[in-house]
Amino acid sequence: MSAQTEGTPFSTKQRETLFVRLAKRPGGVAAQEVFDEGTKLGDRVTIEAYHNLGRRLVHRGVLTADKSERQTRFETRVNGEGQWLDEEQL
């Protein structure tokens, strides 16, 4: 991910890329961790935006959600980046 200009919000695609990259870690990632990393890189959206993005990525089949802990952990699907196409890919 390229460096952002200070205070310039990420595009949705940049947030998705960050989320998926971090979700590939062993044990996955919580939305709070993605928010923290995005904030360090200059994104200015709320934590709720990252929670919503995580849910959307699960619904699209890109990530899986493990809700067994206090915070939902998001992980990449076993078969790769996902099975669903975005609307613009149709």
PDB file of N, CA and C in Angstrom:
ATOM      1  N   MET A   1       0.854  -1.169   0.000  1.00  0.00           N
ATOM      2  CA  MET A   1       0.000   0.000   0.000  1.00  0.00           C
ATOM      3  C   MET A   1       0.895   1.225   0.000  1.00  0.00           C
ATOM      4  N   SER A   2       0.604   2.167  -0.853  1.00  0.00           N
ATOM      5  CA  SER A   2       1.428   3.360  -0.949  1.00  0.00           C
ATOM      6  C   SER A   2       1.115   4.332   0.180  1.00  0.00           C
ATOM      7  N   ALA A   3       2.084   5.186   0.448  1.00  0.00           N
ATOM      8  CA  ALA A   3       1.887   6.184   1.502  1.00  0.00           C
ATOM      9  C   ALA A   3       0.830   7.192   1.074  1.00  0.00           C
ATOM     10  N   GLN A   4       0.035   7.633   2.014  1.00  0.00           N
ATOM     11  CA  GLN A   4      -1.034   8.597   1.769  1.00  0.00           C
ATOM     12  C   GLN A   4      -0.560   9.987   2.153  1.00  0.00           C
ATOM     13  N   THR A   5      -1.138  10.983   1.507  1.00  0.00           N
ATOM     14  CA  THR A   5      -0.930  12.353   1.930  1.00  0.00           C
ATOM     15  C   THR A   5      -1.597  12.511   3.287  1.00  0.00           C
ATOM     16  N   GLU A   6      -0.970  13.226   4.199  1.00  0.00           N
ATOM     17  CA  GLU A   6      -1.497  13.394   5.554  1.00  0.00           C
ATOM     18  C   GLU A   6      -2.943  13.853   5.529  1.00  0.00           C
ATOM     19  N   GLY A   7      -3.813  13.071   6.164  1.00  0.00           N
ATOM     20  CA  GLY A   7      -5.197  13.459   6.309  1.00  0.00           C
ATOM     21  C   GLY A   7      -6.089  13.159   5.107  1.00  0.00           C
ATOM     22  N   THR A   8      -5.553  12.537   4.064  1.00  0.00           N
ATOM     23  CA  THR A   8      -6.364  12.200   2.898  1.00  0.00           C
ATOM     24  C   THR A   8      -7.025  10.845   3.128  1.00  0.00           C
ATOM     25  N   PRO A   9      -8.352  10.798   3.116  1.00  0.00           N
ATOM     26  CA  PRO A   9      -9.013   9.512   3.346  1.00  0.00           C
ATOM     27  C   PRO A   9      -8.709   8.531   2.222  1.00  0.00           C
ATOM     28  N   PHE A  10      -8.689   7.262   2.569  1.00  0.00           N
ATOM     29  CA  PHE A  10      -8.483   6.203   1.588  1.00  0.00           C
ATOM     30  C   PHE A  10      -9.722   6.076   0.714  1.00  0.00           C
ATOM     31  N   SER A  11      -9.538   5.481  -0.437  1.00  0.00           N
ATOM     32  CA  SER A  11     -10.673   5.069  -1.254  1.00  0.00           C
ATOM     33  C   SER A  11     -11.188   3.750  -0.679  1.00  0.00           C
ATOM     34  N   THR A  12     -12.386   3.362  -1.072  1.00  0.00           N
ATOM     35  CA  THR A  12     -12.944   2.086  -0.616  1.00  0.00           C
ATOM     36  C   THR A  12     -12.032   0.952  -1.021  1.00  0.00           C
ATOM     37  N   LYS A  13     -11.500   0.995  -2.218  1.00  0.00           N
ATOM     38  CA  LYS A  13     -10.607  -0.065  -2.712  1.00  0.00           C
ATOM     39  C   LYS A  13      -9.356  -0.166  -1.850  1.00  0.00           C
ATOM     40  N   GLN A  14      -8.791   0.968  -1.451  1.00  0.00           N
ATOM     41  CA  GLN A  14      -7.602   0.953  -0.595  1.00  0.00           C
ATOM     42  C   GLN A  14      -7.916   0.326   0.770  1.00  0.00           C
ATOM     43  N   ARG A  15      -9.085   0.642   1.326  1.00  0.00           N
ATOM     44  CA  ARG A  15      -9.482   0.047   2.601  1.00  0.00           C
ATOM     45  C   ARG A  15      -9.663  -1.461   2.463  1.00  0.00           C
ATOM     46  N   GLU A  16     -10.304  -1.877   1.369  1.00  0.00           N
ATOM     47  CA  GLU A  16     -10.502  -3.311   1.139  1.00  0.00           C
ATOM     48  C   GLU A  16      -9.160  -4.024   1.015  1.00  0.00           C
ATOM     49  N   THR A  17      -8.241  -3.442   0.268  1.00  0.00           N
ATOM     50  CA  THR A  17      -6.914  -4.039   0.092  1.00  0.00           C
ATOM     51  C   THR A  17      -6.203  -4.173   1.429  1.00  0.00           C
ATOM     52  N   LEU A  18      -6.254  -3.144   2.244  1.00  0.00           N
ATOM     53  CA  LEU A  18      -5.644  -3.179   3.569  1.00  0.00           C
ATOM     54  C   LEU A  18      -6.283  -4.263   4.424  1.00  0.00           C
ATOM     55  N   PHE A  19      -7.609  -4.327   4.428  1.00  0.00           N
ATOM     56  CA  PHE A  19      -8.334  -5.300   5.244  1.00  0.00           C
ATOM     57  C   PHE A  19      -7.950  -6.728   4.845  1.00  0.00           C
ATOM     58  N   VAL A  20      -7.967  -7.010   3.542  1.00  0.00           N
ATOM     59  CA  VAL A  20      -7.649  -8.362   3.074  1.00  0.00           C
ATOM     60  C   VAL A  20      -6.196  -8.708   3.377  1.00  0.00           C
ATOM     61  N   ARG A  21      -5.292  -7.754   3.178  1.00  0.00           N
ATOM     62  CA  ARG A  21      -3.868  -8.014   3.455  1.00  0.00           C
ATOM     63  C   ARG A  21      -3.667  -8.371   4.925  1.00  0.00           C
ATOM     64  N   LEU A  22      -4.284  -7.614   5.824  1.00  0.00           N
ATOM     65  CA  LEU A  22      -4.125  -7.880   7.252  1.00  0.00           C
ATOM     66  C   LEU A  22      -4.861  -9.158   7.673  1.00  0.00           C
ATOM     67  N   ALA A  23      -5.948  -9.487   7.008  1.00  0.00           N
ATOM     68  CA  ALA A  23      -6.712 -10.692   7.344  1.00  0.00           C
ATOM     69  C   ALA A  23      -5.960 -11.964   6.977  1.00  0.00           C
ATOM     70  N   LYS A  24      -4.943 -11.850   6.147  1.00  0.00           N
ATOM     71  CA  LYS A  24      -4.129 -13.016   5.767  1.00  0.00           C
ATOM     72  C   LYS A  24      -3.174 -13.436   6.876  1.00  0.00           C
ATOM     73  N   ARG A  25      -3.014 -12.621   7.886  1.00  0.00           N
ATOM     74  CA  ARG A  25      -2.140 -12.965   9.017  1.00  0.00           C
ATOM     75  C   ARG A  25      -2.661 -14.216   9.715  1.00  0.00           C
ATOM     76  N   PRO A  26      -1.774 -15.002  10.312  1.00  0.00           N
ATOM     77  CA  PRO A  26      -2.255 -16.129  11.116  1.00  0.00           C
ATOM     78  C   PRO A  26      -3.154 -15.611  12.245  1.00  0.00           C
ATOM     79  N   GLY A  27      -4.318 -16.185  12.403  1.00  0.00           N
ATOM     80  CA  GLY A  27      -5.259 -15.728  13.421  1.00  0.00           C
ATOM     81  C   GLY A  27      -6.175 -14.621  12.963  1.00  0.00           C
ATOM     82  N   GLY A  28      -5.972 -14.137  11.733  1.00  0.00           N
ATOM     83  CA  GLY A  28      -6.847 -13.103  11.190  1.00  0.00           C
ATOM     84  C   GLY A  28      -6.608 -11.744  11.824  1.00  0.00           C
ATOM     85  N   VAL A  29      -7.634 -10.896  11.721  1.00  0.00           N
ATOM     86  CA  VAL A  29      -7.516  -9.522  12.187  1.00  0.00           C
ATOM     87  C   VAL A  29      -8.884  -9.032  12.661  1.00  0.00           C
ATOM     88  N   ALA A  30      -8.892  -8.172  13.638  1.00  0.00           N
ATOM     89  CA  ALA A  30     -10.120  -7.512  14.094  1.00  0.00           C
ATOM     90  C   ALA A  30     -10.242  -6.171  13.374  1.00  0.00           C
ATOM     91  N   ALA A  31     -11.462  -5.688  13.221  1.00  0.00           N
ATOM     92  CA  ALA A  31     -11.687  -4.404  12.561  1.00  0.00           C
ATOM     93  C   ALA A  31     -10.906  -3.289  13.259  1.00  0.00           C
ATOM     94  N   GLN A  32     -10.791  -3.364  14.585  1.00  0.00           N
ATOM     95  CA  GLN A  32     -10.036  -2.351  15.343  1.00  0.00           C
ATOM     96  C   GLN A  32      -8.578  -2.293  14.881  1.00  0.00           C
ATOM     97  N   GLU A  33      -7.985  -3.460  14.616  1.00  0.00           N
ATOM     98  CA  GLU A  33      -6.591  -3.502  14.168  1.00  0.00           C
ATOM     99  C   GLU A  33      -6.444  -2.887  12.776  1.00  0.00           C
ATOM    100  N   VAL A  34      -7.408  -3.141  11.907  1.00  0.00           N
ATOM    101  CA  VAL A  34      -7.362  -2.561  10.565  1.00  0.00           C
ATOM    102  C   VAL A  34      -7.550  -1.048  10.665  1.00  0.00           C
ATOM    103  N   PHE A  35      -8.467  -0.611  11.507  1.00  0.00           N
ATOM    104  CA  PHE A  35      -8.681   0.815  11.743  1.00  0.00           C
ATOM    105  C   PHE A  35      -7.392   1.470  12.245  1.00  0.00           C
ATOM    106  N   ASP A  36      -6.735   0.844  13.219  1.00  0.00           N
ATOM    107  CA  ASP A  36      -5.488   1.402  13.762  1.00  0.00           C
ATOM    108  C   ASP A  36      -4.422   1.544  12.678  1.00  0.00           C
ATOM    109  N   GLU A  37      -4.277   0.509  11.851  1.00  0.00           N
ATOM    110  CA  GLU A  37      -3.290   0.555  10.774  1.00  0.00           C
ATOM    111  C   GLU A  37      -3.665   1.610   9.734  1.00  0.00           C
ATOM    112  N   GLY A  38      -4.936   1.671   9.368  1.00  0.00           N
ATOM    113  CA  GLY A  38      -5.386   2.677   8.414  1.00  0.00           C
ATOM    114  C   GLY A  38      -5.150   4.091   8.927  1.00  0.00           C
ATOM    115  N   THR A  39      -5.415   4.301  10.209  1.00  0.00           N
ATOM    116  CA  THR A  39      -5.186   5.616  10.821  1.00  0.00           C
ATOM    117  C   THR A  39      -3.708   5.979  10.774  1.00  0.00           C
ATOM    118  N   LYS A  40      -2.835   5.007  11.052  1.00  0.00           N
ATOM    119  CA  LYS A  40      -1.392   5.256  10.979  1.00  0.00           C
ATOM    120  C   LYS A  40      -0.961   5.650   9.571  1.00  0.00           C
ATOM    121  N   LEU A  41      -1.656   5.085   8.574  1.00  0.00           N
ATOM    122  CA  LEU A  41      -1.316   5.370   7.182  1.00  0.00           C
ATOM    123  C   LEU A  41      -2.004   6.620   6.650  1.00  0.00           C
ATOM    124  N   GLY A  42      -2.860   7.269   7.471  1.00  0.00           N
ATOM    125  CA  GLY A  42      -3.446   8.539   7.089  1.00  0.00           C
ATOM    126  C   GLY A  42      -4.935   8.526   6.800  1.00  0.00           C
ATOM    127  N   ASP A  43      -5.608   7.380   6.945  1.00  0.00           N
ATOM    128  CA  ASP A  43      -7.041   7.349   6.698  1.00  0.00           C
ATOM    129  C   ASP A  43      -7.764   8.074   7.829  1.00  0.00           C
ATOM    130  N   ARG A  44      -8.930   8.675   7.515  1.00  0.00           N
ATOM    131  CA  ARG A  44      -9.632   9.479   8.515  1.00  0.00           C
ATOM    132  C   ARG A  44     -11.055   9.013   8.793  1.00  0.00           C
ATOM    133  N   VAL A  45     -11.428   7.809   8.384  1.00  0.00           N
ATOM    134  CA  VAL A  45     -12.795   7.349   8.637  1.00  0.00           C
ATOM    135  C   VAL A  45     -12.916   6.797  10.055  1.00  0.00           C
ATOM    136  N   THR A  46     -14.149   6.540  10.472  1.00  0.00           N
ATOM    137  CA  THR A  46     -14.404   6.047  11.820  1.00  0.00           C
ATOM    138  C   THR A  46     -14.182   4.542  11.911  1.00  0.00           C
ATOM    139  N   ILE A  47     -14.082   4.058  13.128  1.00  0.00           N
ATOM    140  CA  ILE A  47     -13.969   2.624  13.374  1.00  0.00           C
ATOM    141  C   ILE A  47     -15.188   1.894  12.815  1.00  0.00           C
ATOM    142  N   GLU A  48     -16.349   2.533  12.897  1.00  0.00           N
ATOM    143  CA  GLU A  48     -17.575   1.913  12.387  1.00  0.00           C
ATOM    144  C   GLU A  48     -17.474   1.621  10.891  1.00  0.00           C
ATOM    145  N   ALA A  49     -16.789   2.475  10.152  1.00  0.00           N
ATOM    146  CA  ALA A  49     -16.603   2.237   8.715  1.00  0.00           C
ATOM    147  C   ALA A  49     -15.841   0.934   8.482  1.00  0.00           C
ATOM    148  N   TYR A  50     -14.863   0.654   9.324  1.00  0.00           N
ATOM    149  CA  TYR A  50     -14.096  -0.594   9.192  1.00  0.00           C
ATOM    150  C   TYR A  50     -14.923  -1.802   9.622  1.00  0.00           C
ATOM    151  N   HIS A  51     -15.749  -1.651  10.635  1.00  0.00           N
ATOM    152  CA  HIS A  51     -16.649  -2.747  11.021  1.00  0.00           C
ATOM    153  C   HIS A  51     -17.615  -3.060   9.869  1.00  0.00           C
ATOM    154  N   ASN A  52     -18.177  -2.017   9.268  1.00  0.00           N
ATOM    155  CA  ASN A  52     -19.099  -2.212   8.146  1.00  0.00           C
ATOM    156  C   ASN A  52     -18.386  -2.862   6.962  1.00  0.00           C
ATOM    157  N   LEU A  53     -17.168  -2.440   6.688  1.00  0.00           N
ATOM    158  CA  LEU A  53     -16.408  -3.019   5.585  1.00  0.00           C
ATOM    159  C   LEU A  53     -16.139  -4.500   5.841  1.00  0.00           C
ATOM    160  N   GLY A  54     -15.780  -4.843   7.065  1.00  0.00           N
ATOM    161  CA  GLY A  54     -15.555  -6.254   7.398  1.00  0.00           C
ATOM    162  C   GLY A  54     -16.798  -7.084   7.139  1.00  0.00           C
ATOM    163  N   ARG A  55     -17.954  -6.585   7.567  1.00  0.00           N
ATOM    164  CA  ARG A  55     -19.218  -7.306   7.327  1.00  0.00           C
ATOM    165  C   ARG A  55     -19.510  -7.442   5.834  1.00  0.00           C
ATOM    166  N   ARG A  56     -19.257  -6.383   5.077  1.00  0.00           N
ATOM    167  CA  ARG A  56     -19.492  -6.459   3.624  1.00  0.00           C
ATOM    168  C   ARG A  56     -18.565  -7.473   2.968  1.00  0.00           C
ATOM    169  N   LEU A  57     -17.320  -7.518   3.387  1.00  0.00           N
ATOM    170  CA  LEU A  57     -16.376  -8.473   2.812  1.00  0.00           C
ATOM    171  C   LEU A  57     -16.770  -9.914   3.155  1.00  0.00           C
ATOM    172  N   VAL A  58     -17.350 -10.120   4.323  1.00  0.00           N
ATOM    173  CA  VAL A  58     -17.859 -11.451   4.679  1.00  0.00           C
ATOM    174  C   VAL A  58     -19.051 -11.798   3.789  1.00  0.00           C
ATOM    175  N   HIS A  59     -19.967 -10.871   3.622  1.00  0.00           N
ATOM    176  CA  HIS A  59     -21.155 -11.125   2.799  1.00  0.00           C
ATOM    177  C   HIS A  59     -20.795 -11.378   1.341  1.00  0.00           C
ATOM    178  N   ARG A  60     -19.722 -10.760   0.871  1.00  0.00           N
ATOM    179  CA  ARG A  60     -19.265 -10.972  -0.507  1.00  0.00           C
ATOM    180  C   ARG A  60     -18.471 -12.259  -0.655  1.00  0.00           C
ATOM    181  N   GLY A  61     -18.135 -12.903   0.462  1.00  0.00           N
ATOM    182  CA  GLY A  61     -17.388 -14.150   0.394  1.00  0.00           C
ATOM    183  C   GLY A  61     -15.885 -13.985   0.343  1.00  0.00           C
ATOM    184  N   VAL A  62     -15.388 -12.777   0.568  1.00  0.00           N
ATOM    185  CA  VAL A  62     -13.950 -12.523   0.532  1.00  0.00           C
ATOM    186  C   VAL A  62     -13.303 -12.973   1.842  1.00  0.00           C
ATOM    187  N   LEU A  63     -13.977 -12.702   2.958  1.00  0.00           N
ATOM    188  CA  LEU A  63     -13.467 -13.050   4.287  1.00  0.00           C
ATOM    189  C   LEU A  63     -14.453 -13.942   5.017  1.00  0.00           C
ATOM    190  N   THR A  64     -13.958 -14.604   6.055  1.00  0.00           N
ATOM    191  CA  THR A  64     -14.824 -15.315   6.993  1.00  0.00           C
ATOM    192  C   THR A  64     -14.745 -14.591   8.328  1.00  0.00           C
ATOM    193  N   ALA A  65     -15.776 -14.730   9.140  1.00  0.00           N
ATOM    194  CA  ALA A  65     -15.827 -14.063  10.441  1.00  0.00           C
ATOM    195  C   ALA A  65     -15.880 -15.111  11.542  1.00  0.00           C
ATOM    196  N   ASP A  66     -14.968 -15.005  12.488  1.00  0.00           N
ATOM    197  CA  ASP A  66     -14.955 -15.869  13.663  1.00  0.00           C
ATOM    198  C   ASP A  66     -15.432 -15.028  14.838  1.00  0.00           C
ATOM    199  N   LYS A  67     -16.640 -15.311  15.318  1.00  0.00           N
ATOM    200  CA  LYS A  67     -17.233 -14.524  16.397  1.00  0.00           C
ATOM    201  C   LYS A  67     -17.113 -15.218  17.746  1.00  0.00           C
ATOM    202  N   SER A  68     -16.192 -16.161  17.861  1.00  0.00           N
ATOM    203  CA  SER A  68     -16.068 -16.915  19.112  1.00  0.00           C
ATOM    204  C   SER A  68     -15.372 -16.118  20.218  1.00  0.00           C
ATOM    205  N   GLU A  69     -14.639 -15.082  19.850  1.00  0.00           N
ATOM    206  CA  GLU A  69     -13.965 -14.247  20.841  1.00  0.00           C
ATOM    207  C   GLU A  69     -14.764 -12.967  21.063  1.00  0.00           C
ATOM    208  N   ARG A  70     -14.273 -12.132  21.972  1.00  0.00           N
ATOM    209  CA  ARG A  70     -14.934 -10.858  22.273  1.00  0.00           C
ATOM    210  C   ARG A  70     -15.058  -9.993  21.027  1.00  0.00           C
ATOM    211  N   GLN A  71     -13.984  -9.900  20.255  1.00  0.00           N
ATOM    212  CA  GLN A  71     -13.996  -9.155  18.993  1.00  0.00           C
ATOM    213  C   GLN A  71     -14.058 -10.143  17.840  1.00  0.00           C
ATOM    214  N   THR A  72     -14.833  -9.817  16.832  1.00  0.00           N
ATOM    215  CA  THR A  72     -14.900 -10.652  15.634  1.00  0.00           C
ATOM    216  C   THR A  72     -13.542 -10.624  14.941  1.00  0.00           C
ATOM    217  N   ARG A  73     -13.046 -11.812  14.584  1.00  0.00           N
ATOM    218  CA  ARG A  73     -11.786 -11.930  13.847  1.00  0.00           C
ATOM    219  C   ARG A  73     -12.123 -12.261  12.401  1.00  0.00           C
ATOM    220  N   PHE A  74     -11.537 -11.537  11.490  1.00  0.00           N
ATOM    221  CA  PHE A  74     -11.768 -11.748  10.066  1.00  0.00           C
ATOM    222  C   PHE A  74     -10.548 -12.439   9.469  1.00  0.00           C
ATOM    223  N   GLU A  75     -10.807 -13.460   8.657  1.00  0.00           N
ATOM    224  CA  GLU A  75      -9.733 -14.199   7.995  1.00  0.00           C
ATOM    225  C   GLU A  75     -10.080 -14.368   6.524  1.00  0.00           C
ATOM    226  N   THR A  76      -9.038 -14.552   5.699  1.00  0.00           N
ATOM    227  CA  THR A  76      -9.294 -14.798   4.285  1.00  0.00           C
ATOM    228  C   THR A  76      -9.870 -16.193   4.125  1.00  0.00           C
ATOM    229  N   ARG A  77     -10.649 -16.363   3.083  1.00  0.00           N
ATOM    230  CA  ARG A  77     -11.241 -17.665   2.803  1.00  0.00           C
ATOM    231  C   ARG A  77     -10.141 -18.622   2.366  1.00  0.00           C
ATOM    232  N   VAL A  78     -10.359 -19.882   2.596  1.00  0.00           N
ATOM    233  CA  VAL A  78      -9.377 -20.908   2.257  1.00  0.00           C
ATOM    234  C   VAL A  78      -9.080 -20.913   0.765  1.00  0.00           C
ATOM    235  N   ASN A  79     -10.083 -20.664  -0.055  1.00  0.00           N
ATOM    236  CA  ASN A  79      -9.896 -20.727  -1.508  1.00  0.00           C
ATOM    237  C   ASN A  79      -9.378 -19.430  -2.114  1.00  0.00           C
ATOM    238  N   GLY A  80      -8.884 -18.504  -1.343  1.00  0.00           N
ATOM    239  CA  GLY A  80      -8.263 -17.308  -1.895  1.00  0.00           C
ATOM    240  C   GLY A  80      -9.017 -16.032  -1.603  1.00  0.00           C
ATOM    241  N   GLU A  81      -9.029 -15.146  -2.568  1.00  0.00           N
ATOM    242  CA  GLU A  81      -9.554 -13.801  -2.386  1.00  0.00           C
ATOM    243  C   GLU A  81     -11.068 -13.734  -2.297  1.00  0.00           C
ATOM    244  N   GLY A  82     -11.768 -14.736  -2.752  1.00  0.00           N
ATOM    245  CA  GLY A  82     -13.231 -14.710  -2.681  1.00  0.00           C
ATOM    246  C   GLY A  82     -13.860 -15.280  -3.921  1.00  0.00           C
ATOM    247  N   GLN A  83     -15.154 -15.542  -3.829  1.00  0.00           N
ATOM    248  CA  GLN A  83     -15.827 -16.184  -4.938  1.00  0.00           C
ATOM    249  C   GLN A  83     -16.801 -15.275  -5.664  1.00  0.00           C
ATOM    250  N   TRP A  84     -17.076 -14.110  -5.122  1.00  0.00           N
ATOM    251  CA  TRP A  84     -18.093 -13.237  -5.703  1.00  0.00           C
ATOM    252  C   TRP A  84     -17.442 -12.110  -6.482  1.00  0.00           C
ATOM    253  N   LEU A  85     -18.087 -11.707  -7.545  1.00  0.00           N
ATOM    254  CA  LEU A  85     -17.611 -10.581  -8.331  1.00  0.00           C
ATOM    255  C   LEU A  85     -18.221  -9.288  -7.828  1.00  0.00           C
ATOM    256  N   ASP A  86     -17.436  -8.234  -7.875  1.00  0.00           N
ATOM    257  CA  ASP A  86     -17.985  -6.917  -7.581  1.00  0.00           C
ATOM    258  C   ASP A  86     -18.873  -6.499  -8.740  1.00  0.00           C
ATOM    259  N   GLU A  87     -19.784  -5.587  -8.479  1.00  0.00           N
ATOM    260  CA  GLU A  87     -20.717  -5.138  -9.498  1.00  0.00           C
ATOM    261  C   GLU A  87     -19.985  -4.616 -10.738  1.00  0.00           C
ATOM    262  N   GLU A  88     -18.883  -3.891 -10.535  1.00  0.00           N
ATOM    263  CA  GLU A  88     -18.154  -3.340 -11.677  1.00  0.00           C
ATOM    264  C   GLU A  88     -17.395  -4.402 -12.458  1.00  0.00           C
ATOM    265  N   GLN A  89     -17.259  -5.617 -11.916  1.00  0.00           N
ATOM    266  CA  GLN A  89     -16.575  -6.701 -12.615  1.00  0.00           C
ATOM    267  C   GLN A  89     -17.526  -7.507 -13.492  1.00  0.00           C
ATOM    268  N   LEU A  90     -18.823  -7.274 -13.398  1.00  0.00           N
ATOM    269  CA  LEU A  90     -19.793  -8.035 -14.194  1.00  0.00           C
ATOM    270  C   LEU A  90     -19.834  -7.569 -15.635  1.00  0.00           C
TER     271      LEU A  90
END
